[in-house]
Amino acid sequence: MIQETFPIIVSGAEVLNERILLTHVENGLLMNGL
């Protein structure tokens, strides 16, 4: 999953990275039609 392949480095950037990743993943899934 994302947690395994995308290690979290800074707690401050953790939220931003998670939100960005989630939005990209959601957009990717929507674009792929899943």
PDB file of N, CA and C in Angstrom:
ATOM      1  N   MET A   1       0.833  -1.199   0.000  1.00  0.00           N
ATOM      2  CA  MET A   1       0.000   0.000   0.000  1.00  0.00           C
ATOM      3  C   MET A   1       0.868   1.250   0.000  1.00  0.00           C
ATOM      4  N   ILE A   2       0.226   2.393   0.093  1.00  0.00           N
ATOM      5  CA  ILE A   2       0.965   3.658   0.049  1.00  0.00           C
ATOM      6  C   ILE A   2       1.875   3.795   1.259  1.00  0.00           C
ATOM      7  N   GLN A   3       1.393   3.374   2.431  1.00  0.00           N
ATOM      8  CA  GLN A   3       2.183   3.524   3.647  1.00  0.00           C
ATOM      9  C   GLN A   3       3.510   2.789   3.532  1.00  0.00           C
ATOM     10  N   GLU A   4       3.529   1.666   2.816  1.00  0.00           N
ATOM     11  CA  GLU A   4       4.746   0.868   2.711  1.00  0.00           C
ATOM     12  C   GLU A   4       5.728   1.470   1.710  1.00  0.00           C
ATOM     13  N   THR A   5       5.212   1.986   0.610  1.00  0.00           N
ATOM     14  CA  THR A   5       6.094   2.478  -0.444  1.00  0.00           C
ATOM     15  C   THR A   5       6.422   3.953  -0.285  1.00  0.00           C
ATOM     16  N   PHE A   6       5.658   4.652   0.558  1.00  0.00           N
ATOM     17  CA  PHE A   6       5.899   6.084   0.710  1.00  0.00           C
ATOM     18  C   PHE A   6       6.121   6.421   2.177  1.00  0.00           C
ATOM     19  N   PRO A   7       7.357   6.282   2.659  1.00  0.00           N
ATOM     20  CA  PRO A   7       7.670   6.546   4.072  1.00  0.00           C
ATOM     21  C   PRO A   7       7.433   8.003   4.440  1.00  0.00           C
ATOM     22  N   ILE A   8       6.959   8.204   5.650  1.00  0.00           N
ATOM     23  CA  ILE A   8       6.712   9.565   6.131  1.00  0.00           C
ATOM     24  C   ILE A   8       7.962  10.067   6.840  1.00  0.00           C
ATOM     25  N   ILE A   9       8.428  11.258   6.462  1.00  0.00           N
ATOM     26  CA  ILE A   9       9.678  11.782   7.006  1.00  0.00           C
ATOM     27  C   ILE A   9       9.416  12.770   8.128  1.00  0.00           C
ATOM     28  N   VAL A  10       8.666  13.816   7.846  1.00  0.00           N
ATOM     29  CA  VAL A  10       8.427  14.853   8.847  1.00  0.00           C
ATOM     30  C   VAL A  10       6.951  14.896   9.208  1.00  0.00           C
ATOM     31  N   SER A  11       6.665  14.983  10.493  1.00  0.00           N
ATOM     32  CA  SER A  11       5.267  15.012  10.924  1.00  0.00           C
ATOM     33  C   SER A  11       4.554  16.233  10.352  1.00  0.00           C
ATOM     34  N   GLY A  12       5.270  17.328  10.177  1.00  0.00           N
ATOM     35  CA  GLY A  12       4.665  18.534   9.621  1.00  0.00           C
ATOM     36  C   GLY A  12       4.271  18.322   8.174  1.00  0.00           C
ATOM     37  N   ALA A  13       5.119  17.637   7.404  1.00  0.00           N
ATOM     38  CA  ALA A  13       4.822  17.398   5.992  1.00  0.00           C
ATOM     39  C   ALA A  13       3.975  16.147   5.822  1.00  0.00           C
ATOM     40  N   GLU A  14       3.790  15.403   6.914  1.00  0.00           N
ATOM     41  CA  GLU A  14       3.016  14.157   6.837  1.00  0.00           C
ATOM     42  C   GLU A  14       1.604  14.426   6.349  1.00  0.00           C
ATOM     43  N   VAL A  15       0.944  15.388   6.963  1.00  0.00           N
ATOM     44  CA  VAL A  15      -0.436  15.700   6.587  1.00  0.00           C
ATOM     45  C   VAL A  15      -0.493  16.161   5.136  1.00  0.00           C
ATOM     46  N   LEU A  16       0.414  17.049   4.747  1.00  0.00           N
ATOM     47  CA  LEU A  16       0.411  17.558   3.372  1.00  0.00           C
ATOM     48  C   LEU A  16       0.649  16.419   2.392  1.00  0.00           C
ATOM     49  N   ASN A  17       1.647  15.583   2.670  1.00  0.00           N
ATOM     50  CA  ASN A  17       1.949  14.470   1.771  1.00  0.00           C
ATOM     51  C   ASN A  17       0.768  13.516   1.681  1.00  0.00           C
ATOM     52  N   GLU A  18       0.152  13.217   2.824  1.00  0.00           N
ATOM     53  CA  GLU A  18      -0.980  12.292   2.804  1.00  0.00           C
ATOM     54  C   GLU A  18      -2.122  12.875   1.989  1.00  0.00           C
ATOM     55  N   ARG A  19      -2.402  14.155   2.198  1.00  0.00           N
ATOM     56  CA  ARG A  19      -3.503  14.784   1.456  1.00  0.00           C
ATOM     57  C   ARG A  19      -3.197  14.797  -0.035  1.00  0.00           C
ATOM     58  N   ILE A  20      -1.963  15.157  -0.377  1.00  0.00           N
ATOM     59  CA  ILE A  20      -1.581  15.204  -1.793  1.00  0.00           C
ATOM     60  C   ILE A  20      -1.655  13.809  -2.404  1.00  0.00           C
ATOM     61  N   LEU A  21      -1.121  12.824  -1.682  1.00  0.00           N
ATOM     62  CA  LEU A  21      -1.147  11.452  -2.190  1.00  0.00           C
ATOM     63  C   LEU A  21      -2.581  10.972  -2.348  1.00  0.00           C
ATOM     64  N   LEU A  22      -3.407  11.238  -1.337  1.00  0.00           N
ATOM     65  CA  LEU A  22      -4.800  10.797  -1.403  1.00  0.00           C
ATOM     66  C   LEU A  22      -5.498  11.434  -2.597  1.00  0.00           C
ATOM     67  N   THR A  23      -5.283  12.721  -2.805  1.00  0.00           N
ATOM     68  CA  THR A  23      -5.939  13.395  -3.927  1.00  0.00           C
ATOM     69  C   THR A  23      -5.439  12.821  -5.249  1.00  0.00           C
ATOM     70  N   HIS A  24      -4.135  12.562  -5.352  1.00  0.00           N
ATOM     71  CA  HIS A  24      -3.589  12.004  -6.590  1.00  0.00           C
ATOM     72  C   HIS A  24      -4.136  10.604  -6.826  1.00  0.00           C
ATOM     73  N   VAL A  25      -4.185   9.809  -5.757  1.00  0.00           N
ATOM     74  CA  VAL A  25      -4.699   8.442  -5.893  1.00  0.00           C
ATOM     75  C   VAL A  25      -6.166   8.473  -6.288  1.00  0.00           C
ATOM     76  N   GLU A  26      -6.941   9.328  -5.619  1.00  0.00           N
ATOM     77  CA  GLU A  26      -8.365   9.424  -5.942  1.00  0.00           C
ATOM     78  C   GLU A  26      -8.550   9.892  -7.379  1.00  0.00           C
ATOM     79  N   ASN A  27      -7.785  10.888  -7.791  1.00  0.00           N
ATOM     80  CA  ASN A  27      -7.888  11.386  -9.166  1.00  0.00           C
ATOM     81  C   ASN A  27      -7.479  10.295 -10.146  1.00  0.00           C
ATOM     82  N   GLY A  28      -6.436   9.551  -9.819  1.00  0.00           N
ATOM     83  CA  GLY A  28      -5.978   8.472 -10.688  1.00  0.00           C
ATOM     84  C   GLY A  28      -7.046   7.398 -10.829  1.00  0.00           C
ATOM     85  N   LEU A  29      -7.665   7.040  -9.697  1.00  0.00           N
ATOM     86  CA  LEU A  29      -8.707   6.016  -9.748  1.00  0.00           C
ATOM     87  C   LEU A  29      -9.881   6.509 -10.584  1.00  0.00           C
ATOM     88  N   LEU A  30     -10.249   7.774 -10.400  1.00  0.00           N
ATOM     89  CA  LEU A  30     -11.372   8.317 -11.160  1.00  0.00           C
ATOM     90  C   LEU A  30     -11.025   8.350 -12.643  1.00  0.00           C
ATOM     91  N   MET A  31      -9.802   8.722 -12.964  1.00  0.00           N
ATOM     92  CA  MET A  31      -9.390   8.805 -14.367  1.00  0.00           C
ATOM     93  C   MET A  31      -9.310   7.415 -14.982  1.00  0.00           C
ATOM     94  N   ASN A  32      -8.946   6.415 -14.163  1.00  0.00           N
ATOM     95  CA  ASN A  32      -8.853   5.041 -14.659  1.00  0.00           C
ATOM     96  C   ASN A  32     -10.225   4.387 -14.733  1.00  0.00           C
ATOM     97  N   GLY A  33     -11.217   5.048 -14.164  1.00  0.00           N
ATOM     98  CA  GLY A  33     -12.572   4.516 -14.227  1.00  0.00           C
ATOM     99  C   GLY A  33     -12.824   3.424 -13.205  1.00  0.00           C
ATOM    100  N   LEU A  34     -12.045   3.391 -12.134  1.00  0.00           N
ATOM    101  CA  LEU A  34     -12.244   2.348 -11.113  1.00  0.00           C
ATOM    102  C   LEU A  34     -13.259   2.807 -10.086  1.00  0.00           C
TER     103      LEU A  34
END
